[in-house]
PDB file of N, CA and C in Angstrom:
ATOM      1  N   MET A   1      33.588 -93.584  -7.625  1.00  0.00           N
ATOM      2  CA  MET A   1      34.225 -92.003  -7.531  1.00  0.00           C
ATOM      3  C   MET A   1      33.104 -90.827  -8.158  1.00  0.00           C
ATOM      4  N   SER A   2      32.474 -91.042  -9.115  1.00  0.00           N
ATOM      5  CA  SER A   2      31.747 -90.453  -9.940  1.00  0.00           C
ATOM      6  C   SER A   2      30.324 -90.185  -8.624  1.00  0.00           C
ATOM      7  N   GLU A   3      30.292 -90.716  -7.846  1.00  0.00           N
ATOM      8  CA  GLU A   3      28.671 -90.472  -6.872  1.00  0.00           C
ATOM      9  C   GLU A   3      29.393 -89.524  -5.736  1.00  0.00           C
ATOM     10  N   ILE A   4      30.475 -89.890  -5.355  1.00  0.00           N
ATOM     11  CA  ILE A   4      31.275 -88.800  -4.691  1.00  0.00           C
ATOM     12  C   ILE A   4      31.202 -87.193  -5.499  1.00  0.00           C
ATOM     13  N   TYR A   5      31.597 -87.021  -6.340  1.00  0.00           N
ATOM     14  CA  TYR A   5      31.420 -85.711  -7.441  1.00  0.00           C
ATOM     15  C   TYR A   5      29.921 -85.681  -7.393  1.00  0.00           C
ATOM     16  N   ASP A   6      28.944 -86.278  -7.872  1.00  0.00           N
ATOM     17  CA  ASP A   6      27.666 -86.088  -7.812  1.00  0.00           C
ATOM     18  C   ASP A   6      27.036 -85.358  -6.521  1.00  0.00           C
ATOM     19  N   VAL A   7      27.724 -86.111  -5.367  1.00  0.00           N
ATOM     20  CA  VAL A   7      27.056 -85.627  -4.065  1.00  0.00           C
ATOM     21  C   VAL A   7      27.396 -84.227  -3.933  1.00  0.00           C
ATOM     22  N   GLY A   8      28.891 -84.199  -4.390  1.00  0.00           N
ATOM     23  CA  GLY A   8      29.498 -82.508  -4.074  1.00  0.00           C
ATOM     24  C   GLY A   8      28.837 -81.603  -4.882  1.00  0.00           C
ATOM     25  N   LEU A   9      28.481 -81.828  -5.894  1.00  0.00           N
ATOM     26  CA  LEU A   9      27.716 -80.757  -7.372  1.00  0.00           C
ATOM     27  C   LEU A   9      26.436 -80.641  -6.510  1.00  0.00           C
ATOM     28  N   LEU A  10      25.605 -81.634  -5.990  1.00  0.00           N
ATOM     29  CA  LEU A  10      24.451 -81.355  -5.648  1.00  0.00           C
ATOM     30  C   LEU A  10      24.434 -80.482  -4.417  1.00  0.00           C
ATOM     31  N   GLY A  11      24.942 -80.813  -3.181  1.00  0.00           N
ATOM     32  CA  GLY A  11      25.645 -80.007  -2.146  1.00  0.00           C
ATOM     33  C   GLY A  11      25.640 -78.790  -2.392  1.00  0.00           C
ATOM     34  N   THR A  12      26.776 -78.228  -3.363  1.00  0.00           N
ATOM     35  CA  THR A  12      27.351 -77.091  -3.712  1.00  0.00           C
ATOM     36  C   THR A  12      25.860 -75.870  -4.442  1.00  0.00           C
ATOM     37  N   ALA A  13      24.935 -76.989  -5.182  1.00  0.00           N
ATOM     38  CA  ALA A  13      23.712 -76.730  -5.693  1.00  0.00           C
ATOM     39  C   ALA A  13      23.029 -75.901  -4.502  1.00  0.00           C
ATOM     40  N   MET A  14      22.591 -76.902  -3.748  1.00  0.00           N
ATOM     41  CA  MET A  14      21.940 -76.742  -2.383  1.00  0.00           C
ATOM     42  C   MET A  14      22.440 -75.454  -1.591  1.00  0.00           C
ATOM     43  N   LEU A  15      23.663 -75.500  -1.357  1.00  0.00           N
ATOM     44  CA  LEU A  15      24.020 -74.607  -0.219  1.00  0.00           C
ATOM     45  C   LEU A  15      24.283 -72.681  -1.221  1.00  0.00           C
ATOM     46  N   ARG A  16      23.915 -73.079  -2.645  1.00  0.00           N
ATOM     47  CA  ARG A  16      23.989 -71.772  -3.170  1.00  0.00           C
ATOM     48  C   ARG A  16      22.711 -71.164  -3.221  1.00  0.00           C
ATOM     49  N   SER A  17      21.828 -72.331  -3.600  1.00  0.00           N
ATOM     50  CA  SER A  17      20.459 -71.820  -3.603  1.00  0.00           C
ATOM     51  C   SER A  17      19.750 -71.289  -2.266  1.00  0.00           C
ATOM     52  N   TRP A  18      19.672 -71.829  -1.069  1.00  0.00           N
ATOM     53  CA  TRP A  18      19.802 -71.628   0.485  1.00  0.00           C
ATOM     54  C   TRP A  18      20.275 -70.134   0.584  1.00  0.00           C
ATOM     55  N   LEU A  19      21.923 -69.926   0.063  1.00  0.00           N
ATOM     56  CA  LEU A  19      22.339 -68.799   0.401  1.00  0.00           C
ATOM     57  C   LEU A  19      21.737 -67.270  -0.336  1.00  0.00           C
ATOM     58  N   PHE A  20      21.101 -67.854  -1.646  1.00  0.00           N
ATOM     59  CA  PHE A  20      20.013 -66.863  -2.206  1.00  0.00           C
ATOM     60  C   PHE A  20      19.074 -66.502  -2.155  1.00  0.00           C
ATOM     61  N   ARG A  21      17.948 -67.533  -1.612  1.00  0.00           N
ATOM     62  CA  ARG A  21      16.870 -67.573  -0.684  1.00  0.00           C
ATOM     63  C   ARG A  21      17.219 -66.469   0.360  1.00  0.00           C
ATOM     64  N   ARG A  22      18.258 -67.032   1.079  1.00  0.00           N
ATOM     65  CA  ARG A  22      18.453 -66.055   2.216  1.00  0.00           C
ATOM     66  C   ARG A  22      18.647 -64.941   1.742  1.00  0.00           C
ATOM     67  N   ARG A  23      19.381 -64.273   1.137  1.00  0.00           N
ATOM     68  CA  ARG A  23      19.639 -63.055   0.700  1.00  0.00           C
ATOM     69  C   ARG A  23      18.587 -62.393   0.108  1.00  0.00           C
ATOM     70  N   LEU A  24      17.405 -63.046  -0.786  1.00  0.00           N
ATOM     71  CA  LEU A  24      16.196 -62.214  -0.985  1.00  0.00           C
ATOM     72  C   LEU A  24      15.478 -61.929   0.198  1.00  0.00           C
ATOM     73  N   ALA A  25      15.162 -63.012   1.567  1.00  0.00           N
ATOM     74  CA  ALA A  25      14.453 -63.060   1.974  1.00  0.00           C
ATOM     75  C   ALA A  25      15.155 -61.713   3.313  1.00  0.00           C
ATOM     76  N   ALA A  26      16.376 -61.447   3.395  1.00  0.00           N
ATOM     77  CA  ALA A  26      16.636 -60.438   3.862  1.00  0.00           C
ATOM     78  C   ALA A  26      16.472 -58.865   3.331  1.00  0.00           C
ATOM     79  N   GLY A  27      16.102 -58.975   2.029  1.00  0.00           N
ATOM     80  CA  GLY A  27      15.880 -57.673   1.694  1.00  0.00           C
ATOM     81  C   GLY A  27      14.171 -57.151   1.124  1.00  0.00           C
ATOM     82  N   ARG A  28      13.760 -58.347   1.613  1.00  0.00           N
ATOM     83  CA  ARG A  28      12.006 -58.357   1.168  1.00  0.00           C
ATOM     84  C   ARG A  28      11.568 -56.718   1.700  1.00  0.00           C
ATOM     85  N   GLU A  29      11.680 -56.482   2.512  1.00  0.00           N
ATOM     86  CA  GLU A  29      11.288 -55.694   3.330  1.00  0.00           C
ATOM     87  C   GLU A  29      11.504 -54.204   2.613  1.00  0.00           C
ATOM     88  N   GLY A  30      12.739 -53.916   2.491  1.00  0.00           N
ATOM     89  CA  GLY A  30      12.873 -53.067   2.089  1.00  0.00           C
ATOM     90  C   GLY A  30      12.532 -52.792   0.133  1.00  0.00           C
ATOM     91  N   ALA A  31      12.441 -53.901  -0.723  1.00  0.00           N
ATOM     92  CA  ALA A  31      12.031 -53.869  -1.848  1.00  0.00           C
ATOM     93  C   ALA A  31      10.517 -53.766  -2.122  1.00  0.00           C
ATOM     94  N   GLU A  32       9.389 -54.585  -0.690  1.00  0.00           N
ATOM     95  CA  GLU A  32       8.445 -54.639  -0.943  1.00  0.00           C
ATOM     96  C   GLU A  32       7.798 -52.874  -0.403  1.00  0.00           C
ATOM     97  N   THR A  33       8.595 -52.186   0.442  1.00  0.00           N
ATOM     98  CA  THR A  33       8.354 -51.071   0.605  1.00  0.00           C
ATOM     99  C   THR A  33       8.305 -49.874  -0.504  1.00  0.00           C
ATOM    100  N   ILE A  34       9.113 -50.007  -1.431  1.00  0.00           N
ATOM    101  CA  ILE A  34       9.390 -49.284  -2.828  1.00  0.00           C
ATOM    102  C   ILE A  34       8.244 -49.984  -3.589  1.00  0.00           C
ATOM    103  N   TRP A  35       8.024 -51.379  -3.370  1.00  0.00           N
ATOM    104  CA  TRP A  35       6.827 -51.708  -4.960  1.00  0.00           C
ATOM    105  C   TRP A  35       5.705 -51.360  -4.121  1.00  0.00           C
ATOM    106  N   CYS A  36       5.420 -51.168  -3.102  1.00  0.00           N
ATOM    107  CA  CYS A  36       3.873 -50.774  -2.615  1.00  0.00           C
ATOM    108  C   CYS A  36       3.754 -49.297  -3.314  1.00  0.00           C
ATOM    109  N   ARG A  37       4.661 -48.265  -3.035  1.00  0.00           N
ATOM    110  CA  ARG A  37       4.834 -46.876  -3.138  1.00  0.00           C
ATOM    111  C   ARG A  37       4.335 -46.373  -4.464  1.00  0.00           C
ATOM    112  N   GLY A  38       4.645 -47.620  -5.325  1.00  0.00           N
ATOM    113  CA  GLY A  38       4.644 -47.218  -6.676  1.00  0.00           C
ATOM    114  C   GLY A  38       3.053 -47.793  -7.154  1.00  0.00           C
ATOM    115  N   TRP A  39       2.906 -47.267  -8.552  1.00  0.00           N
ATOM    116  CA  TRP A  39       1.431 -47.607  -9.063  1.00  0.00           C
ATOM    117  C   TRP A  39       1.699 -47.545 -10.756  1.00  0.00           C
ATOM    118  N   TYR A  40       1.419 -48.663 -11.395  1.00  0.00           N
ATOM    119  CA  TYR A  40       1.264 -48.926 -12.590  1.00  0.00           C
ATOM    120  C   TYR A  40       0.176 -48.559 -13.355  1.00  0.00           C
ATOM    121  N   CYS A  41       0.819 -47.752 -14.658  1.00  0.00           N
ATOM    122  CA  CYS A  41      -0.453 -46.849 -15.348  1.00  0.00           C
ATOM    123  C   CYS A  41      -0.459 -47.855 -16.854  1.00  0.00           C
ATOM    124  N   ALA A  42      -1.574 -48.660 -17.149  1.00  0.00           N
ATOM    125  CA  ALA A  42      -1.640 -49.568 -18.153  1.00  0.00           C
ATOM    126  C   ALA A  42      -1.602 -48.494 -19.321  1.00  0.00           C
ATOM    127  N   ARG A  43      -1.781 -47.483 -19.171  1.00  0.00           N
ATOM    128  CA  ARG A  43      -2.433 -46.496 -20.674  1.00  0.00           C
ATOM    129  C   ARG A  43      -0.891 -46.308 -21.018  1.00  0.00           C
ATOM    130  N   CYS A  44      -0.096 -45.887 -20.405  1.00  0.00           N
ATOM    131  CA  CYS A  44       1.272 -45.425 -20.515  1.00  0.00           C
ATOM    132  C   CYS A  44       2.731 -46.431 -20.454  1.00  0.00           C
ATOM    133  N   GLY A  45       2.036 -47.389 -19.719  1.00  0.00           N
ATOM    134  CA  GLY A  45       2.936 -48.633 -19.630  1.00  0.00           C
ATOM    135  C   GLY A  45       4.141 -48.163 -18.994  1.00  0.00           C
ATOM    136  N   SER A  46       4.054 -47.006 -17.777  1.00  0.00           N
ATOM    137  CA  SER A  46       5.409 -47.006 -16.627  1.00  0.00           C
ATOM    138  C   SER A  46       4.602 -46.898 -15.491  1.00  0.00           C
ATOM    139  N   VAL A  47       5.562 -46.692 -14.313  1.00  0.00           N
ATOM    140  CA  VAL A  47       5.121 -46.769 -13.326  1.00  0.00           C
ATOM    141  C   VAL A  47       5.158 -45.335 -12.497  1.00  0.00           C
ATOM    142  N   HIS A  48       4.512 -44.952 -11.839  1.00  0.00           N
ATOM    143  CA  HIS A  48       4.696 -43.438 -11.406  1.00  0.00           C
ATOM    144  C   HIS A  48       4.973 -43.828  -9.498  1.00  0.00           C
ATOM    145  N   PHE A  49       5.636 -42.793  -8.937  1.00  0.00           N
ATOM    146  CA  PHE A  49       5.853 -42.652  -7.519  1.00  0.00           C
ATOM    147  C   PHE A  49       5.228 -41.202  -6.672  1.00  0.00           C
ATOM    148  N   ARG A  50       4.832 -41.684  -5.780  1.00  0.00           N
ATOM    149  CA  ARG A  50       4.430 -40.421  -4.878  1.00  0.00           C
ATOM    150  C   ARG A  50       5.835 -39.525  -4.766  1.00  0.00           C
ATOM    151  N   PRO A  51       5.741 -38.312  -4.825  1.00  0.00           N
ATOM    152  CA  PRO A  51       7.236 -37.870  -4.631  1.00  0.00           C
ATOM    153  C   PRO A  51       7.897 -37.965  -3.525  1.00  0.00           C
ATOM    154  N   ALA A  52       8.748 -38.404  -3.530  1.00  0.00           N
ATOM    155  CA  ALA A  52       9.865 -38.482  -2.506  1.00  0.00           C
ATOM    156  C   ALA A  52      11.362 -38.532  -2.920  1.00  0.00           C
ATOM    157  N   GLY A  53      11.964 -38.577  -2.229  1.00  0.00           N
ATOM    158  CA  GLY A  53      13.603 -38.136  -2.355  1.00  0.00           C
ATOM    159  C   GLY A  53      14.378 -39.163  -2.691  1.00  0.00           C
ATOM    160  N   ASP A  54      13.732 -40.348  -2.699  1.00  0.00           N
ATOM    161  CA  ASP A  54      14.191 -41.956  -2.769  1.00  0.00           C
ATOM    162  C   ASP A  54      13.757 -42.431  -4.117  1.00  0.00           C
ATOM    163  N   VAL A  55      13.041 -41.841  -5.044  1.00  0.00           N
ATOM    164  CA  VAL A  55      12.421 -42.175  -5.783  1.00  0.00           C
ATOM    165  C   VAL A  55      12.439 -41.526  -7.026  1.00  0.00           C
ATOM    166  N   PRO A  56      12.325 -41.947  -8.373  1.00  0.00           N
ATOM    167  CA  PRO A  56      12.717 -40.962  -9.131  1.00  0.00           C
ATOM    168  C   PRO A  56      10.849 -39.979  -9.175  1.00  0.00           C
ATOM    169  N   SER A  57      11.146 -38.874  -9.897  1.00  0.00           N
ATOM    170  CA  SER A  57      10.049 -37.902  -9.730  1.00  0.00           C
ATOM    171  C   SER A  57       8.749 -38.220 -10.903  1.00  0.00           C
ATOM    172  N   GLY A  58       9.541 -38.435 -12.143  1.00  0.00           N
ATOM    173  CA  GLY A  58       8.564 -38.717 -13.320  1.00  0.00           C
ATOM    174  C   GLY A  58       8.345 -40.034 -13.624  1.00  0.00           C
ATOM    175  N   PRO A  59       7.488 -40.795 -14.463  1.00  0.00           N
ATOM    176  CA  PRO A  59       7.347 -42.017 -14.612  1.00  0.00           C
ATOM    177  C   PRO A  59       8.504 -42.497 -15.314  1.00  0.00           C
ATOM    178  N   VAL A  60       8.570 -44.023 -15.059  1.00  0.00           N
ATOM    179  CA  VAL A  60       9.724 -44.982 -15.250  1.00  0.00           C
ATOM    180  C   VAL A  60       9.260 -46.088 -15.834  1.00  0.00           C
ATOM    181  N   TYR A  61       9.944 -46.331 -16.734  1.00  0.00           N
ATOM    182  CA  TYR A  61       9.581 -47.858 -17.488  1.00  0.00           C
ATOM    183  C   TYR A  61       9.495 -49.184 -16.547  1.00  0.00           C
ATOM    184  N   LEU A  62       8.945 -50.330 -16.808  1.00  0.00           N
ATOM    185  CA  LEU A  62       9.387 -51.377 -16.037  1.00  0.00           C
ATOM    186  C   LEU A  62      10.468 -52.035 -15.470  1.00  0.00           C
ATOM    187  N   GLY A  63      11.482 -52.244 -16.563  1.00  0.00           N
ATOM    188  CA  GLY A  63      12.472 -52.340 -16.134  1.00  0.00           C
ATOM    189  C   GLY A  63      13.435 -51.382 -15.307  1.00  0.00           C
ATOM    190  N   GLU A  64      12.919 -49.904 -15.432  1.00  0.00           N
ATOM    191  CA  GLU A  64      13.749 -49.353 -14.438  1.00  0.00           C
ATOM    192  C   GLU A  64      13.399 -49.425 -12.852  1.00  0.00           C
ATOM    193  N   PHE A  65      11.760 -49.832 -13.051  1.00  0.00           N
ATOM    194  CA  PHE A  65      11.440 -49.968 -11.917  1.00  0.00           C
ATOM    195  C   PHE A  65      11.799 -51.357 -11.116  1.00  0.00           C
ATOM    196  N   ARG A  66      11.822 -52.237 -11.878  1.00  0.00           N
ATOM    197  CA  ARG A  66      12.313 -53.935 -11.406  1.00  0.00           C
ATOM    198  C   ARG A  66      14.012 -53.233 -10.981  1.00  0.00           C
ATOM    199  N   ARG A  67      14.903 -52.460 -11.278  1.00  0.00           N
ATOM    200  CA  ARG A  67      16.126 -51.938 -10.769  1.00  0.00           C
ATOM    201  C   ARG A  67      16.092 -51.380  -9.373  1.00  0.00           C
ATOM    202  N   ILE A  68      14.811 -50.161  -9.321  1.00  0.00           N
ATOM    203  CA  ILE A  68      14.813 -49.489  -8.212  1.00  0.00           C
ATOM    204  C   ILE A  68      14.222 -50.793  -7.047  1.00  0.00           C
ATOM    205  N   VAL A  69      13.319 -51.256  -7.368  1.00  0.00           N
ATOM    206  CA  VAL A  69      13.027 -52.349  -6.514  1.00  0.00           C
ATOM    207  C   VAL A  69      13.864 -53.069  -5.873  1.00  0.00           C
ATOM    208  N   TRP A  70      14.521 -53.856  -6.673  1.00  0.00           N
ATOM    209  CA  TRP A  70      15.988 -54.888  -6.316  1.00  0.00           C
ATOM    210  C   TRP A  70      16.811 -54.162  -5.916  1.00  0.00           C
ATOM    211  N   SER A  71      17.291 -52.888  -6.069  1.00  0.00           N
ATOM    212  CA  SER A  71      18.654 -52.291  -5.593  1.00  0.00           C
ATOM    213  C   SER A  71      17.909 -52.018  -4.099  1.00  0.00           C
ATOM    214  N   ALA A  72      16.607 -51.440  -3.484  1.00  0.00           N
ATOM    215  CA  ALA A  72      16.137 -51.425  -2.640  1.00  0.00           C
ATOM    216  C   ALA A  72      16.099 -52.531  -1.609  1.00  0.00           C
ATOM    217  N   GLY A  73      16.043 -53.699  -2.121  1.00  0.00           N
ATOM    218  CA  GLY A  73      15.968 -55.096  -1.329  1.00  0.00           C
ATOM    219  C   GLY A  73      17.384 -55.508  -1.132  1.00  0.00           C
ATOM    220  N   GLY A  74      18.428 -54.935  -1.990  1.00  0.00           N
ATOM    221  CA  GLY A  74      20.027 -54.982  -1.942  1.00  0.00           C
ATOM    222  C   GLY A  74      20.409 -56.134  -2.618  1.00  0.00           C
ATOM    223  N   TYR A  75      19.833 -56.392  -3.628  1.00  0.00           N
ATOM    224  CA  TYR A  75      19.984 -57.332  -5.119  1.00  0.00           C
ATOM    225  C   TYR A  75      19.627 -56.674  -6.268  1.00  0.00           C
ATOM    226  N   GLY A  76      20.014 -55.123  -6.285  1.00  0.00           N
ATOM    227  CA  GLY A  76      20.007 -55.135  -7.636  1.00  0.00           C
ATOM    228  C   GLY A  76      21.087 -55.466  -8.802  1.00  0.00           C
ATOM    229  N   ASP A  77      22.573 -55.769  -7.995  1.00  0.00           N
ATOM    230  CA  ASP A  77      23.334 -56.610  -8.842  1.00  0.00           C
ATOM    231  C   ASP A  77      22.641 -57.317 -10.088  1.00  0.00           C
ATOM    232  N   LEU A  78      21.574 -58.143  -9.750  1.00  0.00           N
ATOM    233  CA  LEU A  78      20.964 -59.460  -9.862  1.00  0.00           C
ATOM    234  C   LEU A  78      20.026 -58.891 -11.560  1.00  0.00           C
ATOM    235  N   VAL A  79      19.994 -57.601 -11.359  1.00  0.00           N
ATOM    236  CA  VAL A  79      19.297 -56.761 -12.880  1.00  0.00           C
ATOM    237  C   VAL A  79      20.141 -57.414 -13.875  1.00  0.00           C
ATOM    238  N   ALA A  80      21.155 -57.087 -14.134  1.00  0.00           N
ATOM    239  CA  ALA A  80      22.291 -57.082 -15.665  1.00  0.00           C
ATOM    240  C   ALA A  80      22.037 -59.033 -15.686  1.00  0.00           C
ATOM    241  N   ARG A  81      21.983 -59.788 -14.639  1.00  0.00           N
ATOM    242  CA  ARG A  81      22.256 -60.870 -14.604  1.00  0.00           C
ATOM    243  C   ARG A  81      20.915 -61.839 -15.285  1.00  0.00           C
ATOM    244  N   ARG A  82      19.982 -61.280 -14.856  1.00  0.00           N
ATOM    245  CA  ARG A  82      18.580 -62.015 -14.954  1.00  0.00           C
ATOM    246  C   ARG A  82      17.960 -60.814 -15.708  1.00  0.00           C
ATOM    247  N   PRO A  83      18.076 -60.710 -17.267  1.00  0.00           N
ATOM    248  CA  PRO A  83      17.258 -59.581 -18.025  1.00  0.00           C
ATOM    249  C   PRO A  83      15.352 -60.115 -17.981  1.00  0.00           C
ATOM    250  N   ALA A  84      14.894 -58.676 -17.826  1.00  0.00           N
ATOM    251  CA  ALA A  84      13.309 -58.849 -18.243  1.00  0.00           C
ATOM    252  C   ALA A  84      13.170 -59.547 -19.490  1.00  0.00           C
ATOM    253  N   GLY A  85      12.279 -60.369 -19.244  1.00  0.00           N
ATOM    254  CA  GLY A  85      12.005 -61.218 -20.938  1.00  0.00           C
ATOM    255  C   GLY A  85      10.842 -61.094 -20.738  1.00  0.00           C
TER     256      GLY A  85
END
C-alpha cells in the first residue's frame, strides 16, 4: 500500500514541477524584455532603466528589480514566497 502512496506523491511532485516550468516558460519573453532594458551599476548597487512608462524612472535596488522582472513574466507572486537571499 505504501508503494501506491509513494507513486502518488512522486506523480504529484512531477506534475507540479512541470506546471511550474511551463508557467516560467510562458512568461519568459516578458521578463527578458524588462531584464534587458535595465543595467546594473556596481558603484551604487542599483539597477537603472531608460525612461519608459512601464518601469520606474529612478534607481531600484535588486529586490525591487527582481519583483519588476518577475511581475512582467507573470510570476510576481513568487517573489514573496522565494525571498532573495
